[in-house]
Amino acid sequence: MSLAVAGARASFLPSSLAASSSLPRLLALPPSHRRPHSSLASPPAAGSRRRLRVRMARTESTGVSVGFRAPEFELPEPLTGKLWTLDDFEGNPALLVMFICNHCPFVKHLKKDIAKLTSFYMEKGLGAVAISSNSIRTHPQDGPERMAEEAKLFKYPFPYLYDESQEVAKAFGAVCTPEFYLFKKDGRRPFELFYHGQFDDSRPSNNVPVTGRDLSRAIDCALSGQELPFVQKPSVGCNIKWHP
């Protein structure tokens, strides 16, 4: 399977771990363009042009400890109409739960790479599911019909579920998109939180290539029974849009 997209080449894993992993290299996406914004200050001198950078509101994932048990859920998949529950992933040794949405620039920055990374690891036994909990009263672009379109467009290999009541997001303690929860279990034990951190260091507003380094290392460790060899960094994104 090829995990390449256009851009500069970057590895999922650091060189110290690359030799022990079969994960191919991912080509980084080019950084998103920043849009000009009009200034409220005095106008620029004649003949000159002035541009300000738009700064997106950033929210960091917080407050959930390693060992936290995965909450039960039952949510619909707009693309198929199927109801999914936690029990549907009973046969997987590890489960990745992602809170995402359609409109957030932080999610848009990673969508293609999230699909590629999860597809690769699902072939190795990982269970994966994405959930959108945003209020469609304030953000109709995150509604079920658009979710189904997104799932088709980006060829998500995982179910993309709609949390209309927002109760599932609250049960997980989710606060931002994207937010990643990686659970693992031994045998028939309940899923327990193993990793709650970022995809990698790339952001829409920096020039860091998208690699999936942090999340891929965590998944490798979860599937191989190893402890995490690095400090978890919180995921950064847009805040979940709660019902008014």
Protein backbone atom coordinates (compact mmCIF):
# COMPACT_ATOMS: atom_id res chain seq x y z
CA MET A 1 0.00 0.00 0.00
CA SER A 2 1.34 3.43 -0.86
CA LEU A 3 0.97 6.16 1.74
CA ALA A 4 2.23 8.98 -0.46
CA VAL A 5 0.66 12.36 -1.12
CA ALA A 6 2.18 15.39 -2.82
CA GLY A 7 4.86 17.35 -1.00
CA ALA A 8 8.20 16.96 0.76
CA ARG A 9 9.00 13.47 2.04
CA ALA A 10 8.82 12.79 5.79
CA SER A 11 8.79 9.64 7.92
CA PHE A 12 6.09 8.49 10.32
CA LEU A 13 8.79 7.21 12.70
CA PRO A 14 12.10 8.60 13.95
CA SER A 15 15.22 6.99 12.56
CA SER A 16 15.78 5.04 15.79
CA LEU A 17 12.50 3.18 15.31
CA ALA A 18 12.22 3.13 11.52
CA ALA A 19 14.26 -0.04 11.15
CA SER A 20 11.83 -2.00 13.32
CA SER A 21 8.66 -0.74 11.63
CA SER A 22 7.14 -1.79 8.33
CA LEU A 23 5.29 1.49 8.01
CA PRO A 24 6.05 3.23 4.68
CA ARG A 25 6.99 6.84 4.51
CA LEU A 26 4.32 9.49 4.18
CA LEU A 27 4.82 12.46 1.93
CA ALA A 28 3.90 15.65 3.73
CA LEU A 29 1.15 17.92 2.54
CA PRO A 30 2.10 21.51 1.73
CA PRO A 31 1.19 23.99 4.49
CA SER A 32 -2.24 25.62 4.20
CA HIS A 33 -2.36 29.13 2.81
CA ARG A 34 -3.09 31.88 5.28
CA ARG A 35 -5.74 34.35 4.25
CA PRO A 36 -5.32 38.12 4.34
CA HIS A 37 -7.42 40.04 6.84
CA SER A 38 -8.21 43.74 6.86
CA SER A 39 -6.56 45.77 9.64
CA LEU A 40 -8.43 48.01 12.08
CA ALA A 41 -5.31 50.17 12.50
CA SER A 42 -4.40 53.21 10.42
CA PRO A 43 -4.33 52.59 6.68
CA PRO A 44 -0.94 51.85 5.09
CA ALA A 45 0.96 54.52 3.26
CA ALA A 46 0.05 55.08 -0.37
CA GLY A 47 1.54 52.54 -2.71
CA SER A 48 2.22 49.99 0.02
CA ARG A 49 0.31 46.79 0.75
CA ARG A 50 -0.25 45.41 4.21
CA ARG A 51 -1.36 41.93 5.18
CA LEU A 52 -2.24 40.45 8.55
CA ARG A 53 -2.30 36.76 9.35
CA VAL A 54 -5.54 35.19 10.55
CA ARG A 55 -4.99 33.47 13.90
CA MET A 56 -7.34 30.56 14.54
CA ALA A 57 -8.65 29.88 18.04
CA ARG A 58 -6.74 26.94 19.49
CA THR A 59 -8.01 24.47 22.08
CA GLU A 60 -5.86 21.73 23.63
CA SER A 61 -7.05 18.31 24.74
CA THR A 62 -6.96 17.95 28.53
CA GLY A 63 -8.20 16.11 31.56
CA VAL A 64 -8.26 12.37 30.78
CA SER A 65 -5.75 10.03 32.40
CA VAL A 66 -4.10 6.94 30.99
CA GLY A 67 -6.08 3.92 32.20
CA PHE A 68 -9.45 5.64 31.68
CA ARG A 69 -11.93 3.07 30.38
CA ALA A 70 -13.60 3.66 27.03
CA PRO A 71 -17.20 4.81 27.56
CA GLU A 72 -20.04 2.86 25.98
CA PHE A 73 -21.67 4.48 22.95
CA GLU A 74 -24.32 3.81 20.32
CA LEU A 75 -24.19 6.22 17.41
CA PRO A 76 -25.41 6.29 13.79
CA GLU A 77 -23.18 6.36 10.74
CA PRO A 78 -24.78 8.85 8.31
CA LEU A 79 -23.14 7.22 5.27
CA THR A 80 -24.74 3.79 5.84
CA GLY A 81 -27.41 4.32 8.49
CA LYS A 82 -25.80 1.64 10.66
CA LEU A 83 -25.70 1.99 14.44
CA TRP A 84 -22.25 1.39 15.92
CA THR A 85 -21.39 0.51 19.53
CA LEU A 86 -18.23 -0.08 21.51
CA ASP A 87 -18.96 -3.81 21.36
CA ASP A 88 -18.43 -3.75 17.58
CA PHE A 89 -14.70 -3.40 18.28
CA GLU A 90 -14.49 -6.21 20.83
CA GLY A 91 -12.28 -8.26 18.50
CA ASN A 92 -9.64 -5.54 18.11
CA PRO A 93 -6.62 -5.37 20.44
CA ALA A 94 -6.56 -1.57 20.19
CA LEU A 95 -9.15 1.07 19.32
CA LEU A 96 -8.60 4.60 18.04
CA VAL A 97 -11.47 7.02 18.74
CA MET A 98 -11.17 10.36 16.94
CA PHE A 99 -13.30 13.44 17.46
CA ILE A 100 -13.29 15.36 14.19
CA CYS A 101 -15.66 17.50 12.11
CA ASN A 102 -16.02 18.85 8.58
CA HIS A 103 -15.17 22.54 8.86
CA CYS A 104 -12.29 22.92 11.34
CA PRO A 105 -9.02 24.04 9.67
CA PHE A 106 -7.00 21.82 12.02
CA VAL A 107 -8.99 18.77 10.88
CA LYS A 108 -8.86 19.77 7.21
CA HIS A 109 -5.08 19.98 7.53
CA LEU A 110 -4.91 16.28 8.47
CA LYS A 111 -7.89 14.57 6.80
CA LYS A 112 -6.04 12.79 4.01
CA ASP A 113 -3.28 11.68 6.34
CA ILE A 114 -5.69 10.46 9.01
CA ALA A 115 -7.34 8.28 6.36
CA LYS A 116 -4.00 6.89 5.17
CA LEU A 117 -2.60 6.22 8.64
CA THR A 118 -5.75 4.52 9.93
CA SER A 119 -6.08 2.42 6.77
CA PHE A 120 -2.53 1.14 7.25
CA TYR A 121 -3.02 0.21 10.89
CA MET A 122 -6.51 -1.22 10.46
CA GLU A 123 -4.89 -3.89 8.29
CA LYS A 124 -2.72 -4.71 11.33
CA GLY A 125 -5.70 -5.13 13.67
CA LEU A 126 -6.44 -1.62 14.88
CA GLY A 127 -10.09 -0.68 15.34
CA ALA A 128 -10.90 2.91 14.42
CA VAL A 129 -13.90 5.21 14.58
CA ALA A 130 -14.44 8.95 14.12
CA ILE A 131 -17.16 10.98 15.83
CA SER A 132 -18.54 14.44 15.09
CA SER A 133 -20.24 16.11 18.05
CA ASN A 134 -20.51 19.68 16.75
CA SER A 135 -23.84 21.46 17.04
CA ILE A 136 -25.50 21.82 13.66
CA ARG A 137 -27.60 24.65 15.08
CA THR A 138 -24.53 26.86 14.88
CA HIS A 139 -22.52 24.89 12.29
CA PRO A 140 -24.87 23.24 9.78
CA GLN A 141 -21.89 22.33 7.60
CA ASP A 142 -21.10 19.64 10.18
CA GLY A 143 -24.49 17.94 9.78
CA PRO A 144 -25.08 14.27 8.88
CA GLU A 145 -25.52 14.78 5.12
CA ARG A 146 -22.22 16.64 4.87
CA MET A 147 -20.57 14.00 7.05
CA ALA A 148 -21.61 11.30 4.58
CA GLU A 149 -20.17 13.39 1.73
CA GLU A 150 -16.89 13.82 3.62
CA ALA A 151 -16.62 10.10 4.33
CA LYS A 152 -17.01 9.38 0.60
CA LEU A 153 -14.73 12.17 -0.57
CA PHE A 154 -11.82 11.27 1.68
CA LYS A 155 -12.49 7.52 1.52
CA TYR A 156 -12.51 7.12 5.27
CA PRO A 157 -11.78 3.46 6.08
CA PHE A 158 -13.46 3.88 9.49
CA PRO A 159 -17.09 4.67 10.38
CA TYR A 160 -17.75 8.41 10.82
CA LEU A 161 -20.48 8.72 13.48
CA TYR A 162 -22.85 11.52 14.48
CA ASP A 163 -23.17 12.45 18.17
CA GLU A 164 -26.27 14.64 17.97
CA SER A 165 -26.86 14.84 21.74
CA GLN A 166 -23.15 15.51 22.42
CA GLU A 167 -23.38 13.05 25.32
CA VAL A 168 -20.65 10.81 23.91
CA ALA A 169 -18.21 13.71 23.62
CA LYS A 170 -18.94 14.62 27.23
CA ALA A 171 -18.46 11.02 28.36
CA PHE A 172 -15.03 10.93 26.73
CA GLY A 173 -14.11 14.40 27.99
CA ALA A 174 -13.49 15.59 24.43
CA VAL A 175 -13.03 19.34 23.97
CA CYS A 176 -11.47 19.86 20.53
CA THR A 177 -11.21 18.65 16.95
CA PRO A 178 -9.15 16.76 16.12
CA GLU A 179 -8.78 14.83 19.38
CA PHE A 180 -7.33 11.32 19.50
CA TYR A 181 -8.01 8.60 22.07
CA LEU A 182 -6.06 5.36 21.65
CA PHE A 183 -7.30 2.48 23.81
CA LYS A 184 -5.78 -0.97 24.23
CA LYS A 185 -6.78 -4.12 26.07
CA ASP A 186 -5.28 -7.43 27.10
CA GLY A 187 -7.50 -10.35 26.17
CA ARG A 188 -11.08 -9.68 27.22
CA ARG A 189 -10.28 -6.81 29.57
CA PRO A 190 -12.09 -3.50 28.89
CA PHE A 191 -10.42 -0.99 26.60
CA GLU A 192 -8.20 1.32 28.67
CA LEU A 193 -6.72 4.60 27.50
CA PHE A 194 -3.14 4.22 26.29
CA TYR A 195 -2.56 7.47 24.41
CA HIS A 196 -4.38 10.82 24.38
CA GLY A 197 -2.26 13.19 22.35
CA GLN A 198 -1.49 14.85 19.05
CA PHE A 199 -1.22 13.46 15.53
CA ASP A 200 2.14 15.19 15.12
CA ASP A 201 3.70 18.67 15.40
CA SER A 202 2.20 19.96 12.14
CA ARG A 203 -0.38 22.77 12.27
CA PRO A 204 -2.18 24.71 9.51
CA SER A 205 -0.15 27.81 10.39
CA ASN A 206 3.36 26.34 10.52
CA ASN A 207 5.68 24.77 7.98
CA VAL A 208 6.14 21.46 9.81
CA PRO A 209 5.44 18.51 7.47
CA VAL A 210 2.52 16.20 8.28
CA THR A 211 3.97 12.83 9.31
CA GLY A 212 1.61 11.30 11.90
CA ARG A 213 4.75 10.59 13.93
CA ASP A 214 3.31 10.79 17.46
CA LEU A 215 0.14 8.84 16.81
CA SER A 216 1.83 6.18 14.68
CA ARG A 217 4.46 5.55 17.36
CA ALA A 218 1.72 5.19 19.95
CA ILE A 219 -0.21 2.72 17.78
CA ASP A 220 2.95 0.70 17.15
CA CYS A 221 3.51 0.44 20.90
CA ALA A 222 -0.12 -0.44 21.63
CA LEU A 223 -0.18 -3.23 19.05
CA SER A 224 3.19 -4.65 20.12
CA GLY A 225 2.63 -4.49 23.88
CA GLN A 226 5.35 -1.91 24.52
CA GLU A 227 5.23 1.13 26.77
CA LEU A 228 5.29 4.61 25.25
CA PRO A 229 8.91 5.83 24.97
CA PHE A 230 7.97 9.52 24.75
CA VAL A 231 5.99 12.21 26.55
CA GLN A 232 2.49 12.73 25.16
CA LYS A 233 1.75 16.17 23.74
CA PRO A 234 -1.89 17.33 23.76
CA SER A 235 -3.82 17.53 20.52
CA VAL A 236 -4.52 21.07 19.33
CA GLY A 237 -7.56 22.13 17.33
CA CYS A 238 -10.88 23.95 17.21
CA ASN A 239 -13.14 23.74 20.25
CA ILE A 240 -16.14 21.43 19.98
CA LYS A 241 -19.19 23.54 19.09
CA TRP A 242 -21.59 22.88 21.97
CA HIS A 243 -25.32 23.45 21.63
CA PRO A 244 -26.31 27.01 22.60
